[in-house]
Amino acid sequence: MPVTKETQEAAVQWIGGLAAEGGTNIDGALAEALKLRSTDRLPIVVFLTDGEPTVGETRPDVLEKNVAASNPSKSRIFTFGVGTDLNVRLLDLIAEKSGGTRDYVGAKENIEIVTSRFFRKVDTPVLTDVTVDLGGGVHDVYPTR
């Protein structure tokens, strides 16, 4: 999907207005992101975090339910974690349940390599919501979904 000069300028202005406040509000961040809906393109949310939830709702089971309830447009959530203070299980679950994927950058990893790999996944979706009917008698299929 093409990025226009106007959307780029709006994104830079929005990011410029952000201020670090010392907490990680996964519930609030995803609720805000999922309010933005588009009917003319595949809805994608890239969720970047460097920590576990510490502000707002922090219980993983409730967070999972809140994300599902806040996502009626079935946006794909691609979780991207940086650092070592992550709830990887929660981020994996959010990505999996929404049809997205996840990636992580550890303390000794090259962020450029990992971000390039991540953006290759989300850059140009070719097929969405694909189903395959293998008929009866098939077992041991991987992945199960």
N, C-alpha and C. Protein backbone atom coordinates (compact mmCIF):
# COMPACT_ATOMS: atom_id res chain seq x y z
N MET A 1 0.84 -1.16 0.00
CA MET A 1 0.00 0.00 0.00
C MET A 1 0.90 1.24 0.00
N PRO A 2 0.65 2.16 -0.90
CA PRO A 2 1.52 3.33 -1.05
C PRO A 2 1.40 4.29 0.13
N VAL A 3 2.52 4.88 0.47
CA VAL A 3 2.56 5.89 1.53
C VAL A 3 2.61 7.25 0.85
N THR A 4 1.64 8.09 1.17
CA THR A 4 1.61 9.42 0.58
C THR A 4 2.43 10.39 1.41
N LYS A 5 2.77 11.51 0.81
CA LYS A 5 3.52 12.54 1.52
C LYS A 5 2.71 13.05 2.72
N GLU A 6 1.40 13.15 2.57
CA GLU A 6 0.54 13.64 3.65
C GLU A 6 0.53 12.68 4.83
N THR A 7 0.42 11.37 4.56
CA THR A 7 0.40 10.41 5.67
C THR A 7 1.76 10.34 6.35
N GLN A 8 2.82 10.49 5.56
CA GLN A 8 4.17 10.49 6.13
C GLN A 8 4.35 11.70 7.05
N GLU A 9 3.92 12.87 6.61
CA GLU A 9 4.04 14.08 7.42
C GLU A 9 3.19 13.99 8.68
N ALA A 10 1.99 13.43 8.55
CA ALA A 10 1.11 13.26 9.72
C ALA A 10 1.75 12.30 10.72
N ALA A 11 2.36 11.23 10.24
CA ALA A 11 3.01 10.26 11.13
C ALA A 11 4.19 10.90 11.86
N VAL A 12 5.00 11.66 11.13
CA VAL A 12 6.15 12.32 11.75
C VAL A 12 5.69 13.32 12.80
N GLN A 13 4.63 14.06 12.49
CA GLN A 13 4.10 15.03 13.45
C GLN A 13 3.55 14.33 14.68
N TRP A 14 2.83 13.24 14.49
CA TRP A 14 2.26 12.50 15.62
C TRP A 14 3.37 11.93 16.50
N ILE A 15 4.37 11.32 15.88
CA ILE A 15 5.48 10.74 16.64
C ILE A 15 6.24 11.84 17.37
N GLY A 16 6.39 13.00 16.74
CA GLY A 16 7.08 14.11 17.38
C GLY A 16 6.37 14.60 18.64
N GLY A 17 5.08 14.37 18.73
CA GLY A 17 4.31 14.80 19.89
C GLY A 17 4.29 13.80 21.03
N LEU A 18 4.89 12.63 20.83
CA LEU A 18 4.90 11.61 21.87
C LEU A 18 5.92 11.94 22.95
N ALA A 19 5.62 11.53 24.16
CA ALA A 19 6.55 11.71 25.27
C ALA A 19 6.60 10.43 26.09
N ALA A 20 7.80 10.00 26.44
CA ALA A 20 7.96 8.80 27.27
C ALA A 20 7.49 9.11 28.69
N GLU A 21 6.63 8.25 29.21
CA GLU A 21 6.08 8.48 30.54
C GLU A 21 6.39 7.34 31.50
N GLY A 22 7.25 6.42 31.11
CA GLY A 22 7.74 5.42 32.04
C GLY A 22 6.88 4.20 32.26
N GLY A 23 5.94 3.89 31.41
CA GLY A 23 5.11 2.71 31.59
C GLY A 23 4.77 2.08 30.26
N THR A 24 4.25 0.86 30.32
CA THR A 24 3.85 0.14 29.12
C THR A 24 2.37 -0.20 29.23
N ASN A 25 1.54 0.51 28.47
CA ASN A 25 0.10 0.31 28.51
C ASN A 25 -0.33 -0.43 27.25
N ILE A 26 -0.14 -1.73 27.25
CA ILE A 26 -0.48 -2.55 26.09
C ILE A 26 -1.97 -2.47 25.78
N ASP A 27 -2.79 -2.56 26.80
CA ASP A 27 -4.25 -2.52 26.62
C ASP A 27 -4.68 -1.21 25.97
N GLY A 28 -4.24 -0.10 26.51
CA GLY A 28 -4.62 1.21 25.97
C GLY A 28 -4.08 1.44 24.57
N ALA A 29 -2.84 1.04 24.33
CA ALA A 29 -2.22 1.25 23.02
C ALA A 29 -2.97 0.47 21.94
N LEU A 30 -3.25 -0.80 22.22
CA LEU A 30 -3.95 -1.60 21.21
C LEU A 30 -5.39 -1.15 21.03
N ALA A 31 -6.05 -0.73 22.09
CA ALA A 31 -7.43 -0.22 21.97
C ALA A 31 -7.46 1.00 21.05
N GLU A 32 -6.50 1.92 21.22
CA GLU A 32 -6.43 3.11 20.36
C GLU A 32 -6.13 2.73 18.92
N ALA A 33 -5.17 1.85 18.72
CA ALA A 33 -4.79 1.44 17.37
C ALA A 33 -5.94 0.74 16.65
N LEU A 34 -6.69 -0.06 17.38
CA LEU A 34 -7.78 -0.82 16.75
C LEU A 34 -9.00 0.04 16.46
N LYS A 35 -9.04 1.26 16.96
CA LYS A 35 -10.13 2.19 16.62
C LYS A 35 -9.98 2.67 15.18
N LEU A 36 -8.77 2.68 14.68
CA LEU A 36 -8.51 3.14 13.31
C LEU A 36 -8.86 2.02 12.36
N ARG A 37 -9.91 2.20 11.60
CA ARG A 37 -10.37 1.14 10.70
C ARG A 37 -10.39 1.63 9.27
N SER A 38 -10.15 0.71 8.37
CA SER A 38 -10.21 1.02 6.95
C SER A 38 -11.01 -0.08 6.27
N THR A 39 -11.92 0.33 5.40
CA THR A 39 -12.71 -0.66 4.68
C THR A 39 -12.14 -0.93 3.30
N ASP A 40 -11.19 -0.11 2.85
CA ASP A 40 -10.68 -0.28 1.49
C ASP A 40 -9.31 -0.98 1.43
N ARG A 41 -8.80 -1.45 2.57
CA ARG A 41 -7.53 -2.15 2.55
C ARG A 41 -7.45 -3.11 3.74
N LEU A 42 -6.48 -4.00 3.69
CA LEU A 42 -6.29 -4.98 4.74
C LEU A 42 -5.87 -4.25 6.02
N PRO A 43 -6.65 -4.38 7.11
CA PRO A 43 -6.28 -3.68 8.34
C PRO A 43 -5.11 -4.35 9.05
N ILE A 44 -4.04 -3.58 9.24
CA ILE A 44 -2.83 -4.08 9.88
C ILE A 44 -2.42 -3.13 11.00
N VAL A 45 -2.07 -3.70 12.15
CA VAL A 45 -1.53 -2.93 13.26
C VAL A 45 -0.15 -3.51 13.55
N VAL A 46 0.86 -2.65 13.60
CA VAL A 46 2.20 -3.06 14.02
C VAL A 46 2.37 -2.57 15.44
N PHE A 47 2.47 -3.50 16.37
CA PHE A 47 2.57 -3.15 17.78
C PHE A 47 4.00 -3.35 18.24
N LEU A 48 4.69 -2.25 18.52
CA LEU A 48 6.07 -2.25 18.95
C LEU A 48 6.12 -2.01 20.45
N THR A 49 6.81 -2.88 21.19
CA THR A 49 6.91 -2.71 22.64
C THR A 49 8.28 -3.11 23.13
N ASP A 50 8.66 -2.52 24.26
CA ASP A 50 9.93 -2.88 24.88
C ASP A 50 9.72 -3.43 26.29
N GLY A 51 8.49 -3.76 26.64
CA GLY A 51 8.29 -4.23 28.00
C GLY A 51 6.99 -4.98 28.22
N GLU A 52 6.84 -5.42 29.45
CA GLU A 52 5.61 -6.08 29.90
C GLU A 52 4.59 -5.01 30.26
N PRO A 53 3.30 -5.36 30.27
CA PRO A 53 2.30 -4.37 30.66
C PRO A 53 2.47 -3.94 32.11
N THR A 54 2.61 -2.64 32.33
CA THR A 54 2.78 -2.11 33.69
C THR A 54 1.78 -1.02 34.02
N VAL A 55 1.06 -0.52 33.01
CA VAL A 55 0.09 0.55 33.19
C VAL A 55 -1.25 0.06 32.65
N GLY A 56 -2.34 0.44 33.30
CA GLY A 56 -3.66 -0.01 32.86
C GLY A 56 -3.83 -1.49 33.18
N GLU A 57 -4.50 -2.21 32.32
CA GLU A 57 -4.71 -3.64 32.52
C GLU A 57 -3.39 -4.37 32.33
N THR A 58 -3.04 -5.23 33.27
CA THR A 58 -1.78 -5.96 33.19
C THR A 58 -1.95 -7.47 33.16
N ARG A 59 -3.15 -7.97 33.41
CA ARG A 59 -3.37 -9.42 33.43
C ARG A 59 -3.46 -9.95 32.00
N PRO A 60 -2.56 -10.88 31.63
CA PRO A 60 -2.53 -11.38 30.25
C PRO A 60 -3.85 -11.95 29.75
N ASP A 61 -4.58 -12.69 30.59
CA ASP A 61 -5.84 -13.29 30.13
C ASP A 61 -6.88 -12.21 29.82
N VAL A 62 -6.92 -11.15 30.62
CA VAL A 62 -7.86 -10.05 30.37
C VAL A 62 -7.41 -9.25 29.15
N LEU A 63 -6.11 -9.03 29.01
CA LEU A 63 -5.59 -8.32 27.84
C LEU A 63 -5.98 -9.04 26.55
N GLU A 64 -5.83 -10.35 26.56
CA GLU A 64 -6.18 -11.14 25.38
C GLU A 64 -7.66 -10.95 25.02
N LYS A 65 -8.53 -11.00 26.02
CA LYS A 65 -9.97 -10.82 25.78
C LYS A 65 -10.27 -9.40 25.31
N ASN A 66 -9.62 -8.41 25.89
CA ASN A 66 -9.85 -7.02 25.50
C ASN A 66 -9.44 -6.78 24.05
N VAL A 67 -8.32 -7.34 23.65
CA VAL A 67 -7.86 -7.17 22.26
C VAL A 67 -8.87 -7.80 21.30
N ALA A 68 -9.34 -8.99 21.61
CA ALA A 68 -10.33 -9.64 20.75
C ALA A 68 -11.61 -8.82 20.66
N ALA A 69 -12.06 -8.27 21.79
CA ALA A 69 -13.29 -7.48 21.81
C ALA A 69 -13.12 -6.14 21.08
N SER A 70 -11.91 -5.60 21.07
CA SER A 70 -11.65 -4.31 20.43
C SER A 70 -11.32 -4.44 18.96
N ASN A 71 -11.40 -5.65 18.41
CA ASN A 71 -10.95 -5.89 17.04
C ASN A 71 -12.04 -6.46 16.14
N PRO A 72 -13.19 -5.77 16.02
CA PRO A 72 -14.26 -6.31 15.18
C PRO A 72 -13.91 -6.31 13.69
N SER A 73 -12.98 -5.45 13.26
CA SER A 73 -12.60 -5.40 11.84
C SER A 73 -11.57 -6.47 11.50
N LYS A 74 -11.20 -7.28 12.50
CA LYS A 74 -10.25 -8.38 12.32
C LYS A 74 -8.90 -7.89 11.78
N SER A 75 -8.42 -6.79 12.35
CA SER A 75 -7.10 -6.28 11.99
C SER A 75 -6.05 -7.32 12.35
N ARG A 76 -5.07 -7.47 11.47
CA ARG A 76 -3.93 -8.33 11.78
C ARG A 76 -3.01 -7.53 12.68
N ILE A 77 -2.64 -8.11 13.81
CA ILE A 77 -1.73 -7.43 14.73
C ILE A 77 -0.38 -8.12 14.65
N PHE A 78 0.61 -7.36 14.23
CA PHE A 78 1.97 -7.85 14.13
C PHE A 78 2.74 -7.31 15.33
N THR A 79 3.12 -8.19 16.25
CA THR A 79 3.81 -7.73 17.45
C THR A 79 5.31 -7.76 17.20
N PHE A 80 5.97 -6.73 17.69
CA PHE A 80 7.41 -6.58 17.51
C PHE A 80 7.99 -6.16 18.84
N GLY A 81 8.72 -7.05 19.48
CA GLY A 81 9.27 -6.78 20.80
C GLY A 81 10.76 -6.49 20.73
N VAL A 82 11.19 -5.50 21.51
CA VAL A 82 12.60 -5.12 21.56
C VAL A 82 13.07 -5.21 23.01
N GLY A 83 14.16 -5.93 23.23
CA GLY A 83 14.72 -6.03 24.57
C GLY A 83 14.43 -7.37 25.22
N THR A 84 14.69 -7.42 26.52
CA THR A 84 14.56 -8.68 27.25
C THR A 84 13.41 -8.68 28.24
N ASP A 85 12.79 -7.54 28.49
CA ASP A 85 11.71 -7.44 29.48
C ASP A 85 10.35 -7.53 28.77
N LEU A 86 10.10 -8.66 28.11
CA LEU A 86 8.88 -8.83 27.31
C LEU A 86 8.07 -10.00 27.83
N ASN A 87 6.75 -9.90 27.67
CA ASN A 87 5.89 -11.06 27.91
C ASN A 87 5.69 -11.71 26.54
N VAL A 88 6.64 -12.54 26.16
CA VAL A 88 6.65 -13.15 24.83
C VAL A 88 5.39 -13.99 24.60
N ARG A 89 4.96 -14.71 25.61
CA ARG A 89 3.77 -15.55 25.47
C ARG A 89 2.55 -14.70 25.10
N LEU A 90 2.38 -13.56 25.78
CA LEU A 90 1.27 -12.67 25.49
C LEU A 90 1.38 -12.10 24.08
N LEU A 91 2.54 -11.63 23.70
CA LEU A 91 2.72 -11.05 22.37
C LEU A 91 2.51 -12.09 21.28
N ASP A 92 2.99 -13.31 21.50
CA ASP A 92 2.75 -14.40 20.54
C ASP A 92 1.26 -14.66 20.39
N LEU A 93 0.54 -14.70 21.51
CA LEU A 93 -0.89 -14.99 21.51
C LEU A 93 -1.68 -13.90 20.78
N ILE A 94 -1.35 -12.64 21.04
CA ILE A 94 -2.03 -11.53 20.37
C ILE A 94 -1.83 -11.63 18.86
N ALA A 95 -0.60 -11.88 18.44
CA ALA A 95 -0.32 -11.99 17.00
C ALA A 95 -1.05 -13.19 16.39
N GLU A 96 -0.96 -14.33 17.04
CA GLU A 96 -1.57 -15.54 16.50
C GLU A 96 -3.09 -15.42 16.39
N LYS A 97 -3.73 -14.92 17.45
CA LYS A 97 -5.20 -14.84 17.46
C LYS A 97 -5.73 -13.85 16.43
N SER A 98 -4.91 -12.87 16.03
CA SER A 98 -5.38 -11.86 15.09
C SER A 98 -4.95 -12.15 13.65
N GLY A 99 -4.19 -13.21 13.44
CA GLY A 99 -3.74 -13.54 12.09
C GLY A 99 -2.45 -12.84 11.71
N GLY A 100 -1.79 -12.21 12.69
CA GLY A 100 -0.52 -11.55 12.42
C GLY A 100 0.64 -12.48 12.74
N THR A 101 1.82 -11.92 12.78
CA THR A 101 3.00 -12.68 13.19
C THR A 101 3.74 -11.86 14.24
N ARG A 102 4.83 -12.42 14.74
CA ARG A 102 5.59 -11.71 15.76
C ARG A 102 7.07 -11.84 15.47
N ASP A 103 7.81 -10.89 16.00
CA ASP A 103 9.26 -10.94 15.88
C ASP A 103 9.85 -10.22 17.08
N TYR A 104 11.10 -10.55 17.39
CA TYR A 104 11.74 -9.99 18.57
C TYR A 104 13.19 -9.64 18.27
N VAL A 105 13.67 -8.59 18.93
CA VAL A 105 15.07 -8.21 18.85
C VAL A 105 15.65 -8.35 20.24
N GLY A 106 16.59 -9.26 20.39
CA GLY A 106 17.25 -9.46 21.68
C GLY A 106 18.37 -8.45 21.88
N ALA A 107 18.94 -8.48 23.07
CA ALA A 107 19.97 -7.51 23.44
C ALA A 107 21.19 -7.55 22.53
N LYS A 108 21.56 -8.71 22.03
CA LYS A 108 22.77 -8.82 21.22
C LYS A 108 22.48 -9.00 19.73
N GLU A 109 21.24 -8.81 19.32
CA GLU A 109 20.88 -8.98 17.93
C GLU A 109 20.99 -7.66 17.17
N ASN A 110 21.20 -7.78 15.87
CA ASN A 110 21.27 -6.62 15.00
C ASN A 110 19.84 -6.21 14.65
N ILE A 111 19.42 -5.04 15.12
CA ILE A 111 18.04 -4.59 14.91
C ILE A 111 17.72 -4.41 13.43
N GLU A 112 18.70 -4.04 12.63
CA GLU A 112 18.47 -3.84 11.20
C GLU A 112 18.08 -5.14 10.50
N ILE A 113 18.74 -6.22 10.85
CA ILE A 113 18.43 -7.52 10.25
C ILE A 113 17.03 -7.97 10.65
N VAL A 114 16.70 -7.84 11.92
CA VAL A 114 15.40 -8.31 12.41
C VAL A 114 14.27 -7.44 11.86
N THR A 115 14.45 -6.12 11.82
CA THR A 115 13.39 -5.26 11.28
C THR A 115 13.21 -5.49 9.78
N SER A 116 14.29 -5.73 9.06
CA SER A 116 14.16 -6.03 7.62
C SER A 116 13.36 -7.30 7.41
N ARG A 117 13.66 -8.33 8.21
CA ARG A 117 12.92 -9.59 8.12
C ARG A 117 11.43 -9.37 8.44
N PHE A 118 11.18 -8.58 9.48
CA PHE A 118 9.81 -8.29 9.89
C PHE A 118 9.04 -7.57 8.79
N PHE A 119 9.63 -6.53 8.22
CA PHE A 119 8.91 -5.75 7.21
C PHE A 119 8.75 -6.50 5.89
N ARG A 120 9.60 -7.48 5.61
CA ARG A 120 9.36 -8.33 4.44
C ARG A 120 8.06 -9.12 4.62
N LYS A 121 7.75 -9.47 5.88
CA LYS A 121 6.52 -10.22 6.16
C LYS A 121 5.27 -9.38 5.92
N VAL A 122 5.33 -8.09 6.26
CA VAL A 122 4.12 -7.27 6.24
C VAL A 122 4.03 -6.34 5.04
N ASP A 123 5.08 -6.25 4.25
CA ASP A 123 5.15 -5.27 3.18
C ASP A 123 4.12 -5.48 2.08
N THR A 124 4.00 -6.67 1.55
CA THR A 124 3.11 -6.91 0.43
C THR A 124 2.30 -8.19 0.61
N PRO A 125 1.18 -8.10 1.34
CA PRO A 125 0.36 -9.31 1.49
C PRO A 125 -0.22 -9.72 0.14
N VAL A 126 -0.12 -11.00 -0.15
CA VAL A 126 -0.61 -11.51 -1.43
C VAL A 126 -1.97 -12.18 -1.25
N LEU A 127 -2.08 -13.02 -0.24
CA LEU A 127 -3.33 -13.73 0.04
C LEU A 127 -3.68 -13.54 1.50
N THR A 128 -4.98 -13.45 1.78
CA THR A 128 -5.42 -13.33 3.16
C THR A 128 -6.55 -14.32 3.40
N ASP A 129 -6.65 -14.79 4.64
CA ASP A 129 -7.72 -15.69 5.06
C ASP A 129 -7.85 -16.92 4.15
N VAL A 130 -6.73 -17.51 3.81
CA VAL A 130 -6.72 -18.69 2.95
C VAL A 130 -7.14 -19.91 3.76
N THR A 131 -8.00 -20.74 3.18
CA THR A 131 -8.36 -22.01 3.80
C THR A 131 -8.09 -23.12 2.80
N VAL A 132 -7.73 -24.27 3.31
CA VAL A 132 -7.45 -25.43 2.48
C VAL A 132 -8.24 -26.60 3.01
N ASP A 133 -9.00 -27.26 2.15
CA ASP A 133 -9.76 -28.44 2.53
C ASP A 133 -8.98 -29.66 2.04
N LEU A 134 -8.42 -30.42 2.96
CA LEU A 134 -7.62 -31.59 2.61
C LEU A 134 -8.46 -32.86 2.52
N GLY A 135 -9.74 -32.73 2.78
CA GLY A 135 -10.60 -33.90 2.75
C GLY A 135 -10.45 -34.75 3.99
N GLY A 136 -11.10 -35.88 3.99
CA GLY A 136 -11.07 -36.77 5.16
C GLY A 136 -9.82 -37.62 5.20
N GLY A 137 -9.50 -38.14 6.36
CA GLY A 137 -8.40 -39.08 6.52
C GLY A 137 -7.02 -38.46 6.62
N VAL A 138 -6.94 -37.14 6.59
CA VAL A 138 -5.63 -36.49 6.70
C VAL A 138 -5.36 -36.17 8.15
N HIS A 139 -4.13 -36.43 8.61
CA HIS A 139 -3.77 -36.14 9.99
C HIS A 139 -2.32 -35.66 10.04
N ASP A 140 -1.90 -35.23 11.22
CA ASP A 140 -0.53 -34.74 11.42
C ASP A 140 -0.17 -33.59 10.50
N VAL A 141 -1.06 -32.62 10.40
CA VAL A 141 -0.82 -31.45 9.55
C VAL A 141 -0.15 -30.37 10.39
N TYR A 142 0.90 -29.75 9.82
CA TYR A 142 1.58 -28.67 10.52
C TYR A 142 1.74 -27.50 9.59
N PRO A 143 1.50 -26.29 9.98
CA PRO A 143 0.91 -25.93 11.27
C PRO A 143 -0.55 -26.29 11.32
N THR A 144 -1.11 -26.39 12.52
CA THR A 144 -2.49 -26.83 12.68
C THR A 144 -3.49 -25.81 12.17
N ARG A 145 -3.11 -24.54 12.15
CA ARG A 145 -4.03 -23.51 11.70
C ARG A 145 -3.78 -23.22 10.23
